[in-house]
Amino acid sequence: MRYKAGLETRERILGATRSLVAQNGLDGTTIKAICELAGVLPGSFYNLFASKEQAIVTVVREAIDAVDPDPDHHGTDTLQDLVDAYVRFLEESPELSRVYIRIGVSGAGSNPELTGRMVRHHQERVGRFAAAMKRQSPDLSETLAERRAETLVLALNGIALHRIIDPAFDVAWHARVLLDDAAAVS
């Protein structure tokens, strides 16, 4: 019973965080506002999350997972699937994608736990892109697949950053060009 109540509280907090980030962005989302909207006391928040950023990163991670072409990581996703999922995240969750890039660029450096989460997430993504490249081109060496995957993920992050600067930037077109370039060198 207690476990169920904890899960319900967690979901209320994450729902409130999602709503506030969508309405107010990173700076306009406070622990006080999250607690008020979720109908919980700050102590309940801190029992589940160490910081506002941790709650926000959790919400962002859920949005990324929601567009994952292979959520159980069976190794069935293609490079196209992974790039399409990245673009869907940027287009379907614009505020969360802005927060994700902003935390990655400025917020994670001052928080070792958050930095660790961002680095692990990046490494996981690069690993999945490299594995998809290897499935697509089995003769590609592990090292070359990882280097190309790293370059592709970094380029996609650059596209996401540019989207923050220019909301009219055509993310899908630029992602397709990256994908075409990646296919041409495989």
N, C-alpha and C. Protein backbone atom coordinates (compact mmCIF):
# COMPACT_ATOMS: atom_id res chain seq x y z
N MET A 1 0.83 -1.20 0.00
CA MET A 1 0.00 0.00 0.00
C MET A 1 0.87 1.26 0.00
N ARG A 2 1.92 1.23 0.84
CA ARG A 2 2.80 2.38 0.94
C ARG A 2 3.54 2.61 -0.39
N TYR A 3 3.94 1.50 -1.02
CA TYR A 3 4.64 1.56 -2.30
C TYR A 3 3.75 2.21 -3.36
N LYS A 4 2.47 1.81 -3.38
CA LYS A 4 1.52 2.37 -4.35
C LYS A 4 1.34 3.87 -4.12
N ALA A 5 1.26 4.27 -2.87
CA ALA A 5 1.12 5.70 -2.55
C ALA A 5 2.35 6.47 -3.02
N GLY A 6 3.53 5.87 -2.84
CA GLY A 6 4.77 6.50 -3.30
C GLY A 6 4.79 6.66 -4.81
N LEU A 7 4.32 5.64 -5.52
CA LEU A 7 4.25 5.73 -6.99
C LEU A 7 3.26 6.79 -7.43
N GLU A 8 2.14 6.87 -6.75
CA GLU A 8 1.14 7.89 -7.10
C GLU A 8 1.69 9.29 -6.84
N THR A 9 2.40 9.47 -5.73
CA THR A 9 3.01 10.77 -5.43
C THR A 9 4.05 11.11 -6.48
N ARG A 10 4.87 10.14 -6.84
CA ARG A 10 5.89 10.35 -7.86
C ARG A 10 5.24 10.79 -9.18
N GLU A 11 4.16 10.11 -9.57
CA GLU A 11 3.48 10.46 -10.82
C GLU A 11 2.86 11.85 -10.76
N ARG A 12 2.31 12.22 -9.61
CA ARG A 12 1.74 13.57 -9.47
C ARG A 12 2.85 14.62 -9.59
N ILE A 13 3.99 14.35 -8.97
CA ILE A 13 5.11 15.29 -9.05
C ILE A 13 5.61 15.40 -10.49
N LEU A 14 5.75 14.27 -11.16
CA LEU A 14 6.23 14.30 -12.54
C LEU A 14 5.21 14.97 -13.46
N GLY A 15 3.94 14.73 -13.23
CA GLY A 15 2.90 15.39 -14.02
C GLY A 15 2.93 16.90 -13.83
N ALA A 16 3.10 17.33 -12.59
CA ALA A 16 3.19 18.76 -12.30
C ALA A 16 4.45 19.35 -12.95
N THR A 17 5.54 18.63 -12.86
CA THR A 17 6.79 19.09 -13.46
C THR A 17 6.63 19.24 -14.96
N ARG A 18 6.02 18.25 -15.59
CA ARG A 18 5.77 18.28 -17.04
C ARG A 18 4.96 19.52 -17.41
N SER A 19 3.88 19.75 -16.68
CA SER A 19 3.01 20.90 -16.97
C SER A 19 3.74 22.23 -16.79
N LEU A 20 4.46 22.34 -15.70
CA LEU A 20 5.15 23.61 -15.42
C LEU A 20 6.27 23.89 -16.41
N VAL A 21 7.01 22.87 -16.79
CA VAL A 21 8.07 23.07 -17.78
C VAL A 21 7.45 23.50 -19.11
N ALA A 22 6.35 22.87 -19.49
CA ALA A 22 5.68 23.23 -20.75
C ALA A 22 5.18 24.67 -20.71
N GLN A 23 4.68 25.09 -19.56
CA GLN A 23 4.13 26.45 -19.44
C GLN A 23 5.19 27.50 -19.21
N ASN A 24 6.17 27.19 -18.34
CA ASN A 24 7.08 28.21 -17.84
C ASN A 24 8.55 28.01 -18.17
N GLY A 25 8.89 26.88 -18.78
CA GLY A 25 10.30 26.61 -19.05
C GLY A 25 11.06 26.23 -17.79
N LEU A 26 12.36 26.12 -17.92
CA LEU A 26 13.22 25.68 -16.82
C LEU A 26 13.23 26.67 -15.68
N ASP A 27 13.43 27.93 -15.99
CA ASP A 27 13.54 28.94 -14.93
C ASP A 27 12.23 29.17 -14.19
N GLY A 28 11.12 29.01 -14.88
CA GLY A 28 9.82 29.25 -14.25
C GLY A 28 9.28 28.05 -13.49
N THR A 29 10.04 26.96 -13.47
CA THR A 29 9.62 25.76 -12.76
C THR A 29 10.39 25.70 -11.45
N THR A 30 9.66 25.80 -10.34
CA THR A 30 10.29 25.77 -9.02
C THR A 30 9.76 24.57 -8.23
N ILE A 31 10.50 24.19 -7.22
CA ILE A 31 10.04 23.10 -6.36
C ILE A 31 8.73 23.50 -5.68
N LYS A 32 8.64 24.73 -5.27
CA LYS A 32 7.41 25.20 -4.63
C LYS A 32 6.22 25.06 -5.57
N ALA A 33 6.38 25.48 -6.82
CA ALA A 33 5.29 25.39 -7.80
C ALA A 33 4.96 23.93 -8.10
N ILE A 34 5.98 23.09 -8.21
CA ILE A 34 5.75 21.66 -8.47
C ILE A 34 4.93 21.07 -7.33
N CYS A 35 5.33 21.35 -6.10
CA CYS A 35 4.63 20.80 -4.93
C CYS A 35 3.19 21.30 -4.85
N GLU A 36 3.00 22.58 -5.11
CA GLU A 36 1.64 23.13 -5.07
C GLU A 36 0.75 22.48 -6.12
N LEU A 37 1.25 22.38 -7.35
CA LEU A 37 0.45 21.79 -8.42
C LEU A 37 0.20 20.30 -8.18
N ALA A 38 1.18 19.61 -7.63
CA ALA A 38 1.05 18.17 -7.37
C ALA A 38 0.25 17.89 -6.09
N GLY A 39 0.09 18.92 -5.26
CA GLY A 39 -0.62 18.72 -4.00
C GLY A 39 0.18 17.90 -3.00
N VAL A 40 1.50 18.13 -2.97
CA VAL A 40 2.36 17.41 -2.02
C VAL A 40 3.20 18.41 -1.24
N LEU A 41 3.71 17.95 -0.13
CA LEU A 41 4.60 18.77 0.69
C LEU A 41 6.03 18.65 0.16
N PRO A 42 6.86 19.67 0.39
CA PRO A 42 8.24 19.60 -0.09
C PRO A 42 8.99 18.36 0.41
N GLY A 43 8.69 17.90 1.61
CA GLY A 43 9.34 16.70 2.12
C GLY A 43 9.06 15.48 1.25
N SER A 44 7.84 15.39 0.73
CA SER A 44 7.50 14.29 -0.17
C SER A 44 8.28 14.39 -1.47
N PHE A 45 8.43 15.62 -1.94
CA PHE A 45 9.23 15.84 -3.16
C PHE A 45 10.66 15.34 -2.92
N TYR A 46 11.26 15.80 -1.81
CA TYR A 46 12.66 15.46 -1.53
C TYR A 46 12.86 13.98 -1.18
N ASN A 47 11.81 13.29 -0.78
CA ASN A 47 11.92 11.85 -0.57
C ASN A 47 12.11 11.12 -1.90
N LEU A 48 11.66 11.73 -2.98
CA LEU A 48 11.70 11.08 -4.30
C LEU A 48 12.75 11.68 -5.24
N PHE A 49 13.04 12.96 -5.10
CA PHE A 49 13.96 13.66 -5.99
C PHE A 49 14.90 14.54 -5.18
N ALA A 50 16.17 14.53 -5.55
CA ALA A 50 17.17 15.33 -4.83
C ALA A 50 17.07 16.81 -5.19
N SER A 51 16.52 17.10 -6.37
CA SER A 51 16.49 18.48 -6.84
C SER A 51 15.41 18.65 -7.91
N LYS A 52 15.14 19.90 -8.21
CA LYS A 52 14.22 20.23 -9.30
C LYS A 52 14.77 19.67 -10.61
N GLU A 53 16.08 19.81 -10.80
CA GLU A 53 16.69 19.33 -12.04
C GLU A 53 16.53 17.82 -12.20
N GLN A 54 16.63 17.10 -11.10
CA GLN A 54 16.46 15.64 -11.18
C GLN A 54 15.03 15.29 -11.63
N ALA A 55 14.05 15.99 -11.10
CA ALA A 55 12.66 15.75 -11.53
C ALA A 55 12.49 16.12 -13.00
N ILE A 56 13.09 17.22 -13.41
CA ILE A 56 12.97 17.66 -14.80
C ILE A 56 13.67 16.68 -15.74
N VAL A 57 14.86 16.22 -15.38
CA VAL A 57 15.57 15.26 -16.22
C VAL A 57 14.76 13.96 -16.32
N THR A 58 14.10 13.57 -15.25
CA THR A 58 13.25 12.37 -15.28
C THR A 58 12.11 12.56 -16.28
N VAL A 59 11.48 13.71 -16.27
CA VAL A 59 10.40 14.01 -17.21
C VAL A 59 10.92 14.00 -18.65
N VAL A 60 12.09 14.60 -18.85
CA VAL A 60 12.68 14.63 -20.18
C VAL A 60 13.00 13.21 -20.63
N ARG A 61 13.57 12.43 -19.73
CA ARG A 61 13.92 11.03 -20.08
C ARG A 61 12.66 10.25 -20.48
N GLU A 62 11.56 10.46 -19.77
CA GLU A 62 10.31 9.78 -20.12
C GLU A 62 9.83 10.19 -21.50
N ALA A 63 10.00 11.47 -21.85
CA ALA A 63 9.59 11.94 -23.18
C ALA A 63 10.47 11.31 -24.26
N ILE A 64 11.75 11.17 -23.98
CA ILE A 64 12.65 10.52 -24.93
C ILE A 64 12.28 9.05 -25.07
N ASP A 65 12.02 8.40 -23.94
CA ASP A 65 11.64 6.99 -23.97
C ASP A 65 10.33 6.77 -24.72
N ALA A 66 9.44 7.75 -24.67
CA ALA A 66 8.13 7.62 -25.32
C ALA A 66 8.24 7.53 -26.84
N VAL A 67 9.31 8.05 -27.41
CA VAL A 67 9.49 7.98 -28.87
C VAL A 67 10.54 6.94 -29.27
N ASP A 68 11.03 6.19 -28.30
CA ASP A 68 12.08 5.19 -28.55
C ASP A 68 11.55 4.10 -29.49
N PRO A 69 12.24 3.85 -30.61
CA PRO A 69 11.77 2.84 -31.56
C PRO A 69 11.99 1.40 -31.06
N ASP A 70 12.81 1.23 -30.05
CA ASP A 70 13.11 -0.09 -29.49
C ASP A 70 13.24 0.06 -27.98
N PRO A 71 12.11 0.31 -27.30
CA PRO A 71 12.17 0.64 -25.87
C PRO A 71 12.76 -0.47 -25.00
N ASP A 72 12.68 -1.70 -25.44
CA ASP A 72 13.24 -2.80 -24.66
C ASP A 72 14.68 -3.12 -25.06
N HIS A 73 15.21 -2.36 -25.99
CA HIS A 73 16.60 -2.47 -26.42
C HIS A 73 16.94 -3.88 -26.90
N HIS A 74 16.11 -4.39 -27.81
CA HIS A 74 16.34 -5.70 -28.40
C HIS A 74 17.33 -5.64 -29.56
N GLY A 75 17.71 -4.44 -29.96
CA GLY A 75 18.63 -4.31 -31.09
C GLY A 75 17.95 -4.41 -32.43
N THR A 76 16.70 -3.97 -32.48
CA THR A 76 15.95 -4.03 -33.73
C THR A 76 15.84 -2.67 -34.42
N ASP A 77 16.30 -1.62 -33.75
CA ASP A 77 16.18 -0.29 -34.33
C ASP A 77 17.26 -0.05 -35.37
N THR A 78 16.87 0.70 -36.39
CA THR A 78 17.81 1.08 -37.44
C THR A 78 18.31 2.49 -37.16
N LEU A 79 19.31 2.88 -37.89
CA LEU A 79 19.81 4.25 -37.76
C LEU A 79 18.70 5.24 -38.11
N GLN A 80 17.93 4.92 -39.14
CA GLN A 80 16.79 5.77 -39.53
C GLN A 80 15.80 5.89 -38.38
N ASP A 81 15.49 4.75 -37.72
CA ASP A 81 14.57 4.76 -36.58
C ASP A 81 15.07 5.69 -35.47
N LEU A 82 16.35 5.60 -35.18
CA LEU A 82 16.93 6.39 -34.08
C LEU A 82 16.93 7.88 -34.41
N VAL A 83 17.28 8.22 -35.64
CA VAL A 83 17.26 9.63 -36.04
C VAL A 83 15.83 10.15 -36.05
N ASP A 84 14.90 9.36 -36.58
CA ASP A 84 13.49 9.76 -36.59
C ASP A 84 12.98 9.99 -35.17
N ALA A 85 13.38 9.13 -34.23
CA ALA A 85 12.95 9.28 -32.84
C ALA A 85 13.50 10.58 -32.25
N TYR A 86 14.74 10.90 -32.57
CA TYR A 86 15.34 12.15 -32.08
C TYR A 86 14.56 13.34 -32.61
N VAL A 87 14.24 13.30 -33.90
CA VAL A 87 13.48 14.40 -34.51
C VAL A 87 12.09 14.49 -33.87
N ARG A 88 11.43 13.34 -33.66
CA ARG A 88 10.10 13.35 -33.03
C ARG A 88 10.16 13.98 -31.64
N PHE A 89 11.19 13.64 -30.87
CA PHE A 89 11.35 14.24 -29.55
C PHE A 89 11.45 15.76 -29.67
N LEU A 90 12.26 16.25 -30.60
CA LEU A 90 12.41 17.70 -30.77
C LEU A 90 11.11 18.36 -31.20
N GLU A 91 10.39 17.71 -32.09
CA GLU A 91 9.18 18.32 -32.64
C GLU A 91 7.95 18.14 -31.74
N GLU A 92 7.84 17.00 -31.06
CA GLU A 92 6.66 16.73 -30.24
C GLU A 92 6.80 17.26 -28.82
N SER A 93 8.02 17.47 -28.37
CA SER A 93 8.26 17.96 -27.01
C SER A 93 9.23 19.14 -27.06
N PRO A 94 8.84 20.22 -27.73
CA PRO A 94 9.80 21.31 -27.92
C PRO A 94 10.31 21.92 -26.62
N GLU A 95 9.43 22.10 -25.64
CA GLU A 95 9.90 22.70 -24.38
C GLU A 95 10.83 21.75 -23.65
N LEU A 96 10.48 20.47 -23.61
CA LEU A 96 11.35 19.50 -22.93
C LEU A 96 12.68 19.35 -23.66
N SER A 97 12.66 19.40 -24.99
CA SER A 97 13.93 19.30 -25.72
C SER A 97 14.80 20.52 -25.45
N ARG A 98 14.20 21.70 -25.33
CA ARG A 98 14.96 22.90 -24.98
C ARG A 98 15.59 22.76 -23.60
N VAL A 99 14.82 22.24 -22.67
CA VAL A 99 15.32 22.05 -21.31
C VAL A 99 16.46 21.04 -21.31
N TYR A 100 16.30 19.95 -22.06
CA TYR A 100 17.33 18.91 -22.13
C TYR A 100 18.66 19.51 -22.63
N ILE A 101 18.59 20.25 -23.73
CA ILE A 101 19.81 20.84 -24.28
C ILE A 101 20.37 21.88 -23.32
N ARG A 102 19.50 22.67 -22.73
CA ARG A 102 19.97 23.70 -21.80
C ARG A 102 20.65 23.10 -20.59
N ILE A 103 20.10 22.04 -20.04
CA ILE A 103 20.74 21.38 -18.90
C ILE A 103 22.07 20.79 -19.35
N GLY A 104 22.09 20.19 -20.52
CA GLY A 104 23.33 19.62 -21.02
C GLY A 104 24.41 20.66 -21.24
N VAL A 105 24.02 21.84 -21.71
CA VAL A 105 24.98 22.88 -22.02
C VAL A 105 25.44 23.62 -20.76
N SER A 106 24.50 23.93 -19.88
CA SER A 106 24.90 24.78 -18.75
C SER A 106 24.62 24.20 -17.37
N GLY A 107 23.54 23.48 -17.24
CA GLY A 107 23.14 23.07 -15.90
C GLY A 107 23.85 21.88 -15.32
N ALA A 108 24.28 20.96 -16.16
CA ALA A 108 24.86 19.72 -15.64
C ALA A 108 26.24 19.93 -15.05
N GLY A 109 27.00 20.87 -15.57
CA GLY A 109 28.37 21.06 -15.10
C GLY A 109 28.51 21.38 -13.63
N SER A 110 27.50 21.99 -13.04
CA SER A 110 27.59 22.37 -11.63
C SER A 110 27.02 21.29 -10.70
N ASN A 111 26.47 20.24 -11.26
CA ASN A 111 25.85 19.19 -10.45
C ASN A 111 26.41 17.85 -10.89
N PRO A 112 27.32 17.27 -10.09
CA PRO A 112 27.98 16.02 -10.51
C PRO A 112 27.01 14.87 -10.81
N GLU A 113 25.94 14.76 -10.03
CA GLU A 113 24.98 13.68 -10.29
C GLU A 113 24.28 13.89 -11.63
N LEU A 114 23.87 15.12 -11.89
CA LEU A 114 23.20 15.46 -13.14
C LEU A 114 24.17 15.31 -14.32
N THR A 115 25.41 15.72 -14.13
CA THR A 115 26.42 15.55 -15.17
C THR A 115 26.57 14.07 -15.49
N GLY A 116 26.64 13.24 -14.47
CA GLY A 116 26.77 11.80 -14.66
C GLY A 116 25.60 11.23 -15.44
N ARG A 117 24.39 11.66 -15.11
CA ARG A 117 23.19 11.20 -15.84
C ARG A 117 23.24 11.60 -17.30
N MET A 118 23.64 12.85 -17.55
CA MET A 118 23.70 13.34 -18.93
C MET A 118 24.77 12.58 -19.72
N VAL A 119 25.92 12.35 -19.10
CA VAL A 119 27.00 11.62 -19.79
C VAL A 119 26.56 10.18 -20.06
N ARG A 120 25.95 9.52 -19.08
CA ARG A 120 25.49 8.14 -19.29
C ARG A 120 24.45 8.08 -20.40
N HIS A 121 23.52 9.03 -20.41
CA HIS A 121 22.50 9.06 -21.45
C HIS A 121 23.15 9.23 -22.83
N HIS A 122 24.11 10.13 -22.91
CA HIS A 122 24.81 10.36 -24.18
C HIS A 122 25.54 9.08 -24.61
N GLN A 123 26.23 8.44 -23.69
CA GLN A 123 26.97 7.22 -24.02
C GLN A 123 26.03 6.10 -24.47
N GLU A 124 24.88 5.99 -23.80
CA GLU A 124 23.89 4.98 -24.21
C GLU A 124 23.40 5.26 -25.63
N ARG A 125 23.12 6.52 -25.91
CA ARG A 125 22.63 6.89 -27.25
C ARG A 125 23.69 6.59 -28.30
N VAL A 126 24.93 6.98 -28.04
CA VAL A 126 26.01 6.70 -28.99
C VAL A 126 26.14 5.19 -29.20
N GLY A 127 26.05 4.42 -28.13
CA GLY A 127 26.13 2.96 -28.25
C GLY A 127 25.03 2.39 -29.13
N ARG A 128 23.82 2.90 -28.96
CA ARG A 128 22.71 2.42 -29.79
C ARG A 128 22.89 2.82 -31.25
N PHE A 129 23.35 4.04 -31.49
CA PHE A 129 23.60 4.47 -32.86
C PHE A 129 24.71 3.62 -33.48
N ALA A 130 25.77 3.35 -32.72
CA ALA A 130 26.88 2.54 -33.23
C ALA A 130 26.40 1.12 -33.55
N ALA A 131 25.59 0.55 -32.66
CA ALA A 131 25.07 -0.81 -32.91
C ALA A 131 24.19 -0.83 -34.16
N ALA A 132 23.39 0.20 -34.35
CA ALA A 132 22.55 0.28 -35.56
C ALA A 132 23.42 0.40 -36.82
N MET A 133 24.49 1.16 -36.72
CA MET A 133 25.41 1.29 -37.85
C MET A 133 26.05 -0.06 -38.17
N LYS A 134 26.43 -0.79 -37.13
CA LYS A 134 27.04 -2.12 -37.34
C LYS A 134 26.04 -3.09 -37.97
N ARG A 135 24.78 -3.02 -37.57
CA ARG A 135 23.76 -3.89 -38.18
C ARG A 135 23.58 -3.54 -39.66
N GLN A 136 23.66 -2.25 -39.95
CA GLN A 136 23.48 -1.77 -41.32
C GLN A 136 24.72 -2.09 -42.18
N SER A 137 25.90 -2.00 -41.58
CA SER A 137 27.16 -2.25 -42.29
C SER A 137 28.04 -3.16 -41.43
N PRO A 138 27.79 -4.47 -41.48
CA PRO A 138 28.51 -5.41 -40.59
C PRO A 138 30.03 -5.37 -40.71
N ASP A 139 30.56 -4.93 -41.85
CA ASP A 139 32.02 -4.88 -42.01
C ASP A 139 32.65 -3.66 -41.34
N LEU A 140 31.85 -2.76 -40.86
CA LEU A 140 32.34 -1.56 -40.20
C LEU A 140 32.98 -1.96 -38.87
N SER A 141 34.16 -1.47 -38.58
CA SER A 141 34.82 -1.81 -37.32
C SER A 141 34.07 -1.16 -36.15
N GLU A 142 34.22 -1.76 -34.98
CA GLU A 142 33.58 -1.21 -33.77
C GLU A 142 34.03 0.23 -33.54
N THR A 143 35.32 0.45 -33.67
CA THR A 143 35.87 1.79 -33.42
C THR A 143 35.30 2.81 -34.39
N LEU A 144 35.26 2.47 -35.65
CA LEU A 144 34.73 3.41 -36.65
C LEU A 144 33.23 3.63 -36.44
N ALA A 145 32.50 2.59 -36.11
CA ALA A 145 31.06 2.74 -35.84
C ALA A 145 30.85 3.67 -34.66
N GLU A 146 31.63 3.51 -33.61
CA GLU A 146 31.49 4.38 -32.44
C GLU A 146 31.84 5.83 -32.77
N ARG A 147 32.91 6.02 -33.53
CA ARG A 147 33.29 7.40 -33.90
C ARG A 147 32.23 8.06 -34.77
N ARG A 148 31.71 7.32 -35.72
CA ARG A 148 30.66 7.88 -36.59
C ARG A 148 29.38 8.13 -35.81
N ALA A 149 29.06 7.22 -34.90
CA ALA A 149 27.86 7.40 -34.07
C ALA A 149 28.02 8.63 -33.19
N GLU A 150 29.18 8.79 -32.60
CA GLU A 150 29.45 9.97 -31.76
C GLU A 150 29.27 11.25 -32.56
N THR A 151 29.83 11.26 -33.77
CA THR A 151 29.72 12.44 -34.63
C THR A 151 28.26 12.71 -35.00
N LEU A 152 27.51 11.67 -35.31
CA LEU A 152 26.10 11.84 -35.68
C LEU A 152 25.29 12.36 -34.50
N VAL A 153 25.49 11.80 -33.33
CA VAL A 153 24.75 12.25 -32.14
C VAL A 153 25.11 13.70 -31.81
N LEU A 154 26.39 14.03 -31.89
CA LEU A 154 26.80 15.42 -31.63
C LEU A 154 26.18 16.37 -32.65
N ALA A 155 26.12 15.95 -33.91
CA ALA A 155 25.50 16.79 -34.95
C ALA A 155 24.00 16.96 -34.67
N LEU A 156 23.34 15.89 -34.24
CA LEU A 156 21.92 16.00 -33.89
C LEU A 156 21.72 16.94 -32.70
N ASN A 157 22.62 16.88 -31.73
CA ASN A 157 22.54 17.81 -30.61
C ASN A 157 22.73 19.25 -31.09
N GLY A 158 23.61 19.44 -32.07
CA GLY A 158 23.79 20.77 -32.65
C GLY A 158 22.53 21.25 -33.34
N ILE A 159 21.86 20.35 -34.04
CA ILE A 159 20.58 20.67 -34.67
C ILE A 159 19.57 21.08 -33.60
N ALA A 160 19.54 20.33 -32.51
CA ALA A 160 18.61 20.66 -31.41
C ALA A 160 18.93 22.03 -30.83
N LEU A 161 20.20 22.32 -30.66
CA LEU A 161 20.61 23.63 -30.15
C LEU A 161 20.18 24.74 -31.12
N HIS A 162 20.39 24.50 -32.41
CA HIS A 162 19.99 25.52 -33.39
C HIS A 162 18.47 25.72 -33.37
N ARG A 163 17.72 24.65 -33.12
CA ARG A 163 16.26 24.76 -33.04
C ARG A 163 15.84 25.68 -31.90
N ILE A 164 16.62 25.67 -30.81
CA ILE A 164 16.35 26.57 -29.68
C ILE A 164 16.55 28.01 -30.12
N ILE A 165 17.61 28.24 -30.87
CA ILE A 165 17.93 29.58 -31.33
C ILE A 165 16.92 30.06 -32.37
N ASP A 166 16.52 29.15 -33.27
CA ASP A 166 15.60 29.49 -34.35
C ASP A 166 14.48 28.45 -34.40
N PRO A 167 13.34 28.72 -33.76
CA PRO A 167 12.24 27.75 -33.72
C PRO A 167 11.72 27.34 -35.10
N ALA A 168 12.00 28.12 -36.13
CA ALA A 168 11.54 27.77 -37.48
C ALA A 168 12.54 26.86 -38.20
N PHE A 169 13.67 26.58 -37.59
CA PHE A 169 14.71 25.74 -38.20
C PHE A 169 14.13 24.38 -38.55
N ASP A 170 14.41 23.92 -39.76
CA ASP A 170 13.85 22.66 -40.26
C ASP A 170 14.68 21.48 -39.76
N VAL A 171 14.33 21.00 -38.60
CA VAL A 171 15.04 19.91 -37.94
C VAL A 171 15.01 18.64 -38.79
N ALA A 172 13.85 18.28 -39.28
CA ALA A 172 13.69 17.03 -40.02
C ALA A 172 14.56 17.02 -41.29
N TRP A 173 14.58 18.14 -42.02
CA TRP A 173 15.37 18.19 -43.24
C TRP A 173 16.85 18.01 -42.92
N HIS A 174 17.35 18.74 -41.93
CA HIS A 174 18.76 18.65 -41.58
C HIS A 174 19.12 17.26 -41.03
N ALA A 175 18.22 16.66 -40.29
CA ALA A 175 18.47 15.30 -39.78
C ALA A 175 18.54 14.30 -40.94
N ARG A 176 17.68 14.48 -41.95
CA ARG A 176 17.74 13.59 -43.13
C ARG A 176 19.07 13.74 -43.87
N VAL A 177 19.56 14.96 -43.97
CA VAL A 177 20.85 15.19 -44.62
C VAL A 177 21.96 14.47 -43.84
N LEU A 178 21.92 14.59 -42.51
CA LEU A 178 22.91 13.88 -41.69
C LEU A 178 22.83 12.37 -41.92
N LEU A 179 21.62 11.88 -41.95
CA LEU A 179 21.42 10.44 -42.14
C LEU A 179 21.91 9.99 -43.51
N ASP A 180 21.61 10.79 -44.54
CA ASP A 180 22.10 10.49 -45.89
C ASP A 180 23.62 10.48 -45.93
N ASP A 181 24.22 11.46 -45.24
CA ASP A 181 25.69 11.53 -45.19
C ASP A 181 26.26 10.31 -44.46
N ALA A 182 25.62 9.92 -43.39
CA ALA A 182 26.08 8.74 -42.64
C ALA A 182 25.97 7.49 -43.49
N ALA A 183 24.90 7.37 -44.26
CA ALA A 183 24.72 6.20 -45.11
C ALA A 183 25.74 6.18 -46.25
N ALA A 184 26.11 7.35 -46.72
CA ALA A 184 27.05 7.43 -47.84
C ALA A 184 28.45 6.97 -47.45
N VAL A 185 28.82 7.15 -46.19
CA VAL A 185 30.16 6.75 -45.77
C VAL A 185 30.22 5.37 -45.16
N SER A 186 29.07 4.72 -44.97
CA SER A 186 29.07 3.38 -44.37
C SER A 186 29.47 2.31 -45.35
